[in-house]
Amino acid sequence: MTQPTRSSTTPPLPPTTEEDVVSRLRLLRSRRVGPATYRRLLAEYGSPAQALIALPDVARAAGVTDYEICPLAVIHAELQASKAAGARLLTDHDPLYPATLRDIADAPPLVWCLGRIELLARPMIALVGARNASSLGTRMARKLAADLTDQGYVVVSGLARGIDTAAHLGALKGGTIAVQAGGVDVIYPVENTALAHDIAKDGLRLSEMALGLQPQARHFPARNRIISGLAQAVVVVEAAAKSGSLITARNALDQARDVFAVPGHPFDARAAGCNMLLRDGATLVRSAEDVIEALTPPPAPPATASVAAPARPALRNIAGLHALILSRLGSAPVAEDQLLRDLAVPAMHVAPALIDLELDGKITRQAGGLLARAV
């Protein structure tokens, strides 16, 4: 007796959790799909599985004829690596995903976590600074970190040498989170191997990158926006006039975070960035008490229904906007406001496109808000 065939109109069964995770990872790991594009794909097609089906056509409409989505084998290898490392995946709709990070414009849709995930539920303060820090700078960072954790804060930093290392060491017993530029299982710099293992045991290591990925220069600005995005405020302890710490501070301002800086001697190049921040309105820090006193409690959510977010351009127009931006940029830096005037496109549409291109390594952002096409 033959079995009846399933009607073509029967709705498909909902995907299992594992299938959904695979689809989300595969979508995000596909070429030219960053956080903003990922969300627009989900908004337009309703699910990661449907977005994957549509992705080649979307790419073809943007002029990419040889587009291939991320192979399943790559995703299975990442999932196997996560099991070996003991890492846990958080998606941006997971209850444990931190609300502070979810609220930023370019929040990572997925993050790998290694260690005490419950730390993400506590209030966080980022502490960053120079890699070639002075002895006084590292002592200040370690003292600030220890005192902040004594008051119930978790200290977030980037696991770099110098100020980051001192911050993690000072906060290790009270609670610290290291945001990594490469895979959560890849320790960089190698000299922080023992510290990284201690953080995985007593704190938390976190990364949006695929497991096994070695950090590259273009990954660090992306990491920095997560450091500031997690935190209620960013404290800078020693930073040169052009440094990654100032990128983190700029991100913090863009994300409506408080920015604090420890002053330094005008003749010390390692203090130039902090002194610039103070000149431009950052709050001066002498101790943890200065930070805690300046922080204001977040406003209570309104009782009324939330206002709908402004409509975003259709995904098929995003690739065209990316191409238009790249056509207007060259190796010579251009001010962002000048680019906006040249494009004659609303700033609310250009801003996420610039973030996509910066994270994809196609444009660089220089001091003073200048933009240039990556060489």
Protein backbone atom coordinates (compact mmCIF):
# COMPACT_ATOMS: atom_id res chain seq x y z
CA MET A 1 0.00 0.00 0.00
CA THR A 2 1.49 3.31 -1.03
CA GLN A 3 1.78 6.13 1.45
CA PRO A 4 -0.10 9.34 0.67
CA THR A 5 2.10 12.13 -0.58
CA ARG A 6 2.40 15.35 1.39
CA SER A 7 0.46 18.20 -0.15
CA SER A 8 2.63 20.98 -1.55
CA THR A 9 0.53 23.45 0.41
CA THR A 10 1.36 21.87 3.78
CA PRO A 11 3.40 24.37 5.78
CA PRO A 12 6.92 23.19 6.60
CA LEU A 13 7.74 22.13 10.12
CA PRO A 14 9.53 24.77 12.20
CA PRO A 15 13.29 24.26 12.27
CA THR A 16 14.91 22.66 15.27
CA THR A 17 17.12 24.79 17.47
CA GLU A 18 20.22 23.19 15.99
CA GLU A 19 19.01 23.81 12.45
CA ASP A 20 18.26 27.42 13.32
CA VAL A 21 21.73 27.93 14.82
CA VAL A 22 23.37 26.41 11.73
CA SER A 23 21.32 28.68 9.45
CA ARG A 24 22.14 31.79 11.47
CA LEU A 25 25.85 31.01 11.55
CA ARG A 26 25.88 30.15 7.86
CA LEU A 27 24.13 33.41 6.99
CA LEU A 28 26.43 35.57 9.10
CA ARG A 29 29.60 33.81 7.88
CA SER A 30 28.66 34.29 4.22
CA ARG A 31 30.62 36.79 2.17
CA ARG A 32 29.49 40.43 2.38
CA VAL A 33 27.07 39.73 5.23
CA GLY A 34 27.80 41.90 8.25
CA PRO A 35 25.54 42.65 11.24
CA ALA A 36 23.45 45.26 9.42
CA THR A 37 23.01 43.13 6.29
CA TYR A 38 22.22 40.09 8.42
CA ARG A 39 19.37 41.93 10.15
CA ARG A 40 17.98 43.33 6.92
CA LEU A 41 17.96 39.86 5.40
CA LEU A 42 16.03 38.50 8.38
CA ALA A 43 13.63 41.44 8.27
CA GLU A 44 12.93 40.93 4.57
CA TYR A 45 12.76 37.14 4.45
CA GLY A 46 11.52 36.26 7.93
CA SER A 47 13.98 33.52 8.89
CA PRO A 48 17.66 32.66 8.40
CA ALA A 49 16.75 29.63 6.30
CA GLN A 50 14.68 31.73 3.87
CA ALA A 51 17.34 34.43 3.81
CA LEU A 52 19.96 31.85 2.79
CA ILE A 53 17.76 30.76 -0.10
CA ALA A 54 17.38 34.36 -1.27
CA LEU A 55 21.00 35.42 -0.71
CA PRO A 56 22.43 34.32 -4.11
CA ASP A 57 19.67 36.22 -5.93
CA VAL A 58 20.28 39.29 -3.78
CA ALA A 59 23.98 39.11 -4.60
CA ARG A 60 23.22 38.64 -8.31
CA ALA A 61 21.01 41.72 -8.25
CA ALA A 62 23.97 43.61 -6.78
CA GLY A 63 26.16 42.50 -9.69
CA VAL A 64 27.94 39.57 -8.02
CA THR A 65 27.60 36.59 -10.36
CA ASP A 66 29.86 34.05 -8.64
CA TYR A 67 28.38 34.34 -5.15
CA GLU A 68 28.32 31.28 -2.91
CA ILE A 69 26.96 31.11 0.61
CA CYS A 70 29.16 29.81 3.39
CA PRO A 71 29.58 26.02 3.00
CA LEU A 72 27.94 23.78 5.59
CA ALA A 73 31.27 22.09 6.25
CA VAL A 74 32.71 25.38 7.52
CA ILE A 75 29.83 25.80 9.98
CA HIS A 76 30.06 22.21 11.19
CA ALA A 77 33.80 22.71 11.77
CA GLU A 78 33.08 25.85 13.82
CA LEU A 79 30.48 24.02 15.91
CA GLN A 80 32.91 21.17 16.52
CA ALA A 81 35.59 23.64 17.56
CA SER A 82 33.12 25.27 19.98
CA LYS A 83 32.44 21.91 21.62
CA ALA A 84 36.15 21.25 21.98
CA ALA A 85 36.70 24.67 23.54
CA GLY A 86 33.60 24.51 25.75
CA ALA A 87 32.24 27.73 24.22
CA ARG A 88 28.57 28.67 24.21
CA LEU A 89 26.79 30.60 21.48
CA LEU A 90 24.49 33.49 22.35
CA THR A 91 22.20 34.96 19.70
CA ASP A 92 20.78 38.44 19.99
CA HIS A 93 17.34 37.01 20.84
CA ASP A 94 18.70 34.89 23.71
CA PRO A 95 17.55 36.12 27.17
CA LEU A 96 21.18 36.02 28.34
CA TYR A 97 22.36 38.33 25.54
CA PRO A 98 23.17 41.65 27.30
CA ALA A 99 20.61 44.38 26.73
CA THR A 100 23.29 47.09 26.61
CA LEU A 101 24.94 45.40 23.63
CA ARG A 102 21.67 44.60 21.89
CA ASP A 103 20.77 48.29 21.87
CA ILE A 104 23.71 49.52 19.76
CA ALA A 105 23.16 50.06 16.05
CA ASP A 106 25.67 47.44 14.85
CA ALA A 107 25.32 44.86 17.63
CA PRO A 108 26.80 41.45 16.81
CA PRO A 109 23.96 39.03 16.00
CA LEU A 110 25.91 36.11 17.49
CA VAL A 111 28.68 35.91 20.11
CA TRP A 112 30.71 32.98 21.40
CA CYS A 113 31.23 32.93 25.17
CA LEU A 114 33.77 31.07 27.27
CA GLY A 115 33.39 31.28 31.03
CA ARG A 116 30.83 32.80 33.39
CA ILE A 117 27.98 34.04 31.18
CA GLU A 118 26.11 35.33 34.22
CA LEU A 119 28.56 38.25 34.34
CA LEU A 120 26.73 39.71 31.33
CA ALA A 121 23.74 40.45 33.58
CA ARG A 122 25.75 42.76 35.85
CA PRO A 123 26.52 46.47 35.21
CA MET A 124 29.73 46.87 33.21
CA ILE A 125 32.41 49.52 32.80
CA ALA A 126 35.05 49.35 30.07
CA LEU A 127 38.66 50.15 30.94
CA VAL A 128 41.08 50.53 28.02
CA GLY A 129 44.38 52.19 27.20
CA ALA A 130 47.86 52.01 25.76
CA ARG A 131 49.68 48.78 25.01
CA ASN A 132 53.06 50.36 25.84
CA ALA A 133 51.72 51.62 29.15
CA SER A 134 53.89 53.20 31.82
CA SER A 135 54.34 51.70 35.26
CA LEU A 136 52.10 54.39 36.74
CA GLY A 137 49.48 53.74 34.06
CA THR A 138 49.29 50.01 34.72
CA ARG A 139 49.15 50.60 38.49
CA MET A 140 46.30 53.08 37.97
CA ALA A 141 44.39 50.66 35.72
CA ARG A 142 44.77 47.77 38.12
CA LYS A 143 43.65 49.88 41.09
CA LEU A 144 40.66 51.31 39.20
CA ALA A 145 39.59 47.84 38.07
CA ALA A 146 39.83 46.33 41.54
CA ASP A 147 37.92 49.22 43.12
CA LEU A 148 35.19 49.17 40.47
CA THR A 149 34.59 45.45 40.96
CA ASP A 150 34.46 46.01 44.73
CA GLN A 151 31.47 48.27 44.00
CA GLY A 152 29.72 45.56 41.97
CA TYR A 153 30.80 46.49 38.44
CA VAL A 154 32.24 44.07 35.90
CA VAL A 155 35.31 45.46 34.09
CA VAL A 156 35.39 44.97 30.31
CA SER A 157 38.59 45.23 28.27
CA GLY A 158 40.30 43.80 25.19
CA LEU A 159 42.96 41.35 26.50
CA ALA A 160 45.73 43.43 24.89
CA ARG A 161 49.05 43.99 26.61
CA GLY A 162 49.51 47.06 28.79
CA ILE A 163 46.43 48.75 30.26
CA ASP A 164 44.03 45.97 29.18
CA THR A 165 46.15 43.34 30.92
CA ALA A 166 46.34 45.41 34.10
CA ALA A 167 42.57 45.97 34.06
CA HIS A 168 41.82 42.26 33.72
CA LEU A 169 44.29 41.38 36.48
CA GLY A 170 42.80 43.94 38.84
CA ALA A 171 39.24 42.81 38.17
CA LEU A 172 39.80 39.05 37.94
CA LYS A 173 38.49 38.22 41.39
CA GLY A 174 35.53 40.59 41.19
CA GLY A 175 34.48 40.01 37.58
CA THR A 176 36.04 40.79 34.20
CA ILE A 177 35.11 40.25 30.54
CA ALA A 178 37.71 40.05 27.75
CA VAL A 179 36.40 40.87 24.27
CA GLN A 180 38.64 39.21 21.70
CA ALA A 181 39.41 40.32 18.14
CA GLY A 182 39.86 36.77 16.85
CA GLY A 183 38.09 33.53 17.71
CA VAL A 184 37.23 33.05 21.37
CA ASP A 185 39.56 30.05 21.40
CA VAL A 186 42.51 32.01 19.96
CA ILE A 187 44.62 33.79 22.56
CA TYR A 188 46.30 36.99 21.43
CA PRO A 189 48.83 38.14 22.43
CA VAL A 190 50.42 34.83 23.36
CA GLU A 191 52.02 36.39 26.43
CA ASN A 192 48.51 36.62 27.94
CA THR A 193 47.87 32.88 27.68
CA ALA A 194 47.84 32.29 31.44
CA LEU A 195 45.63 35.36 31.98
CA ALA A 196 43.21 34.22 29.28
CA HIS A 197 42.86 30.82 30.93
CA ASP A 198 42.19 32.50 34.28
CA ILE A 199 39.54 34.72 32.70
CA ALA A 200 37.83 31.70 31.13
CA LYS A 201 37.67 30.15 34.60
CA ASP A 202 36.80 33.13 36.81
CA GLY A 203 35.55 35.68 34.26
CA LEU A 204 34.30 35.60 30.66
CA ARG A 205 35.90 35.66 27.22
CA LEU A 206 33.69 36.77 24.36
CA SER A 207 33.98 37.13 20.57
CA GLU A 208 31.73 37.53 17.54
CA MET A 209 34.35 35.95 15.27
CA ALA A 210 34.46 32.34 14.12
CA LEU A 211 36.36 29.95 16.33
CA GLY A 212 39.93 29.40 15.18
CA LEU A 213 40.11 32.79 13.44
CA GLN A 214 43.44 34.53 13.95
CA PRO A 215 42.95 38.26 14.66
CA GLN A 216 43.85 40.70 11.90
CA ALA A 217 44.22 44.48 12.04
CA ARG A 218 40.72 45.10 10.66
CA HIS A 219 39.13 42.99 13.42
CA PHE A 220 40.20 45.29 16.25
CA PRO A 221 37.91 48.26 15.45
CA ALA A 222 35.01 45.79 15.32
CA ARG A 223 36.03 44.40 18.69
CA ASN A 224 36.25 47.90 20.15
CA ARG A 225 32.61 48.71 19.44
CA ILE A 226 31.62 45.59 21.44
CA ILE A 227 33.80 46.68 24.39
CA SER A 228 32.05 50.04 24.55
CA GLY A 229 28.67 48.54 23.65
CA LEU A 230 28.70 46.20 26.62
CA ALA A 231 29.60 48.93 29.07
CA GLN A 232 27.72 51.72 30.76
CA ALA A 233 30.85 53.89 30.50
CA VAL A 234 34.38 53.79 29.07
CA VAL A 235 37.44 54.82 31.08
CA VAL A 236 40.65 55.52 29.13
CA VAL A 237 43.97 55.21 31.00
CA GLU A 238 46.89 56.37 28.81
CA ALA A 239 46.33 56.58 25.06
CA ALA A 240 48.36 58.09 22.24
CA ALA A 241 46.83 60.74 20.01
CA LYS A 242 46.09 58.07 17.39
CA SER A 243 45.19 54.81 19.08
CA GLY A 244 42.58 52.08 19.24
CA SER A 245 41.55 53.35 22.66
CA LEU A 246 40.32 56.57 21.08
CA ILE A 247 38.30 54.49 18.60
CA THR A 248 36.67 52.82 21.59
CA ALA A 249 35.99 56.24 23.13
CA ARG A 250 34.47 57.49 19.86
CA ASN A 251 32.30 54.39 19.70
CA ALA A 252 31.20 55.05 23.26
CA LEU A 253 30.10 58.57 22.37
CA ASP A 254 28.22 57.29 19.31
CA GLN A 255 26.52 54.73 21.57
CA ALA A 256 25.53 57.38 24.15
CA ARG A 257 27.96 56.04 26.74
CA ASP A 258 29.83 58.16 29.28
CA VAL A 259 33.54 58.67 28.56
CA PHE A 260 36.12 59.16 31.31
CA ALA A 261 39.86 59.76 31.06
CA VAL A 262 42.82 59.74 33.42
CA PRO A 263 44.96 62.87 32.87
CA GLY A 264 48.66 62.64 32.11
CA HIS A 265 51.70 64.85 31.72
CA PRO A 266 51.60 66.95 28.53
CA PHE A 267 55.12 65.81 27.60
CA ASP A 268 54.15 62.10 27.74
CA ALA A 269 52.91 60.93 24.32
CA ARG A 270 51.05 58.11 26.04
CA ALA A 271 48.84 60.70 27.74
CA ALA A 272 48.09 62.77 24.62
CA GLY A 273 44.88 60.91 23.78
CA CYS A 274 43.50 61.15 27.33
CA ASN A 275 44.31 64.85 27.52
CA MET A 276 42.56 65.38 24.18
CA LEU A 277 39.47 63.59 25.51
CA LEU A 278 39.49 65.78 28.61
CA ARG A 279 39.84 68.90 26.48
CA ASP A 280 36.83 67.77 24.45
CA GLY A 281 34.60 67.18 27.47
CA ALA A 282 35.41 63.76 28.93
CA THR A 283 35.10 63.45 32.72
CA LEU A 284 38.40 63.52 34.59
CA VAL A 285 39.15 60.43 36.68
CA ARG A 286 41.39 60.28 39.76
CA SER A 287 39.82 57.20 41.33
CA ALA A 288 36.95 54.75 40.97
CA GLU A 289 34.82 57.09 43.09
CA ASP A 290 34.98 59.72 40.33
CA VAL A 291 33.50 57.20 37.89
CA ILE A 292 30.79 55.91 40.21
CA GLU A 293 29.70 59.38 41.32
CA ALA A 294 29.39 60.60 37.74
CA LEU A 295 27.33 57.68 36.50
CA THR A 296 23.61 58.31 36.47
CA PRO A 297 21.10 55.46 36.69
CA PRO A 298 19.52 54.56 33.34
CA PRO A 299 16.06 56.06 32.81
CA ALA A 300 13.08 53.80 33.45
CA PRO A 301 11.46 52.44 30.26
CA PRO A 302 8.34 54.37 29.25
CA ALA A 303 5.00 52.79 30.08
CA THR A 304 3.65 53.51 26.63
CA ALA A 305 4.31 51.36 23.61
CA SER A 306 7.71 51.85 22.04
CA VAL A 307 8.00 54.04 18.98
CA ALA A 308 8.53 52.12 15.79
CA ALA A 309 12.05 52.30 14.38
CA PRO A 310 12.45 54.29 11.16
CA ALA A 311 12.07 52.27 7.99
CA ARG A 312 15.30 50.95 6.52
CA PRO A 313 16.06 50.81 2.81
CA ALA A 314 15.37 47.54 1.04
CA LEU A 315 18.30 45.14 1.08
CA ARG A 316 18.65 45.18 -2.70
CA ASN A 317 19.42 48.90 -2.45
CA ILE A 318 22.12 48.40 0.17
CA ALA A 319 24.66 46.96 -2.26
CA GLY A 320 24.05 49.90 -4.57
CA LEU A 321 24.63 52.33 -1.69
CA HIS A 322 27.86 50.53 -0.77
CA ALA A 323 29.06 50.83 -4.37
CA LEU A 324 28.09 54.53 -4.46
CA ILE A 325 30.03 55.25 -1.26
CA LEU A 326 33.11 53.42 -2.53
CA SER A 327 32.93 55.32 -5.85
CA ARG A 328 33.11 58.63 -3.94
CA LEU A 329 36.06 57.62 -1.75
CA GLY A 330 39.71 57.32 -2.67
CA SER A 331 43.00 57.00 -0.83
CA ALA A 332 42.85 60.68 0.14
CA PRO A 333 40.72 61.07 3.30
CA VAL A 334 37.41 62.94 3.08
CA ALA A 335 35.32 64.39 5.93
CA GLU A 336 32.19 62.37 6.67
CA ASP A 337 29.91 65.39 6.46
CA GLN A 338 31.36 66.23 3.03
CA LEU A 339 30.68 62.66 1.89
CA LEU A 340 27.08 62.97 3.09
CA ARG A 341 26.64 66.17 1.07
CA ASP A 342 28.13 64.53 -2.03
CA LEU A 343 25.92 61.45 -1.74
CA ALA A 344 22.69 63.39 -1.08
CA VAL A 345 21.41 60.34 0.83
CA PRO A 346 19.84 60.59 4.33
CA ALA A 347 22.45 60.18 7.07
CA MET A 348 20.30 57.50 8.78
CA HIS A 349 20.87 55.29 5.71
CA VAL A 350 24.53 56.14 5.14
CA ALA A 351 25.69 55.55 8.74
CA PRO A 352 24.98 51.77 8.85
CA ALA A 353 26.43 51.38 5.35
CA LEU A 354 29.68 53.04 6.51
CA ILE A 355 29.82 50.68 9.47
CA ASP A 356 29.35 47.67 7.13
CA LEU A 357 32.15 48.85 4.85
CA GLU A 358 34.48 49.64 7.77
CA LEU A 359 33.94 46.23 9.37
CA ASP A 360 34.44 44.61 5.96
CA GLY A 361 37.82 46.35 5.67
CA LYS A 362 36.85 48.33 2.56
CA ILE A 363 37.12 51.78 4.12
CA THR A 364 39.18 53.19 6.97
CA ARG A 365 38.21 55.84 9.50
CA GLN A 366 40.97 58.22 10.49
CA ALA A 367 41.41 60.84 13.19
CA GLY A 368 38.99 63.73 12.98
CA GLY A 369 36.21 61.65 11.40
CA LEU A 370 37.95 61.41 8.02
CA LEU A 371 37.10 58.49 5.72
CA ALA A 372 39.23 56.89 3.01
CA ARG A 373 39.02 53.83 0.80
CA ALA A 374 41.22 51.01 2.07
CA VAL A 375 44.25 50.37 -0.11
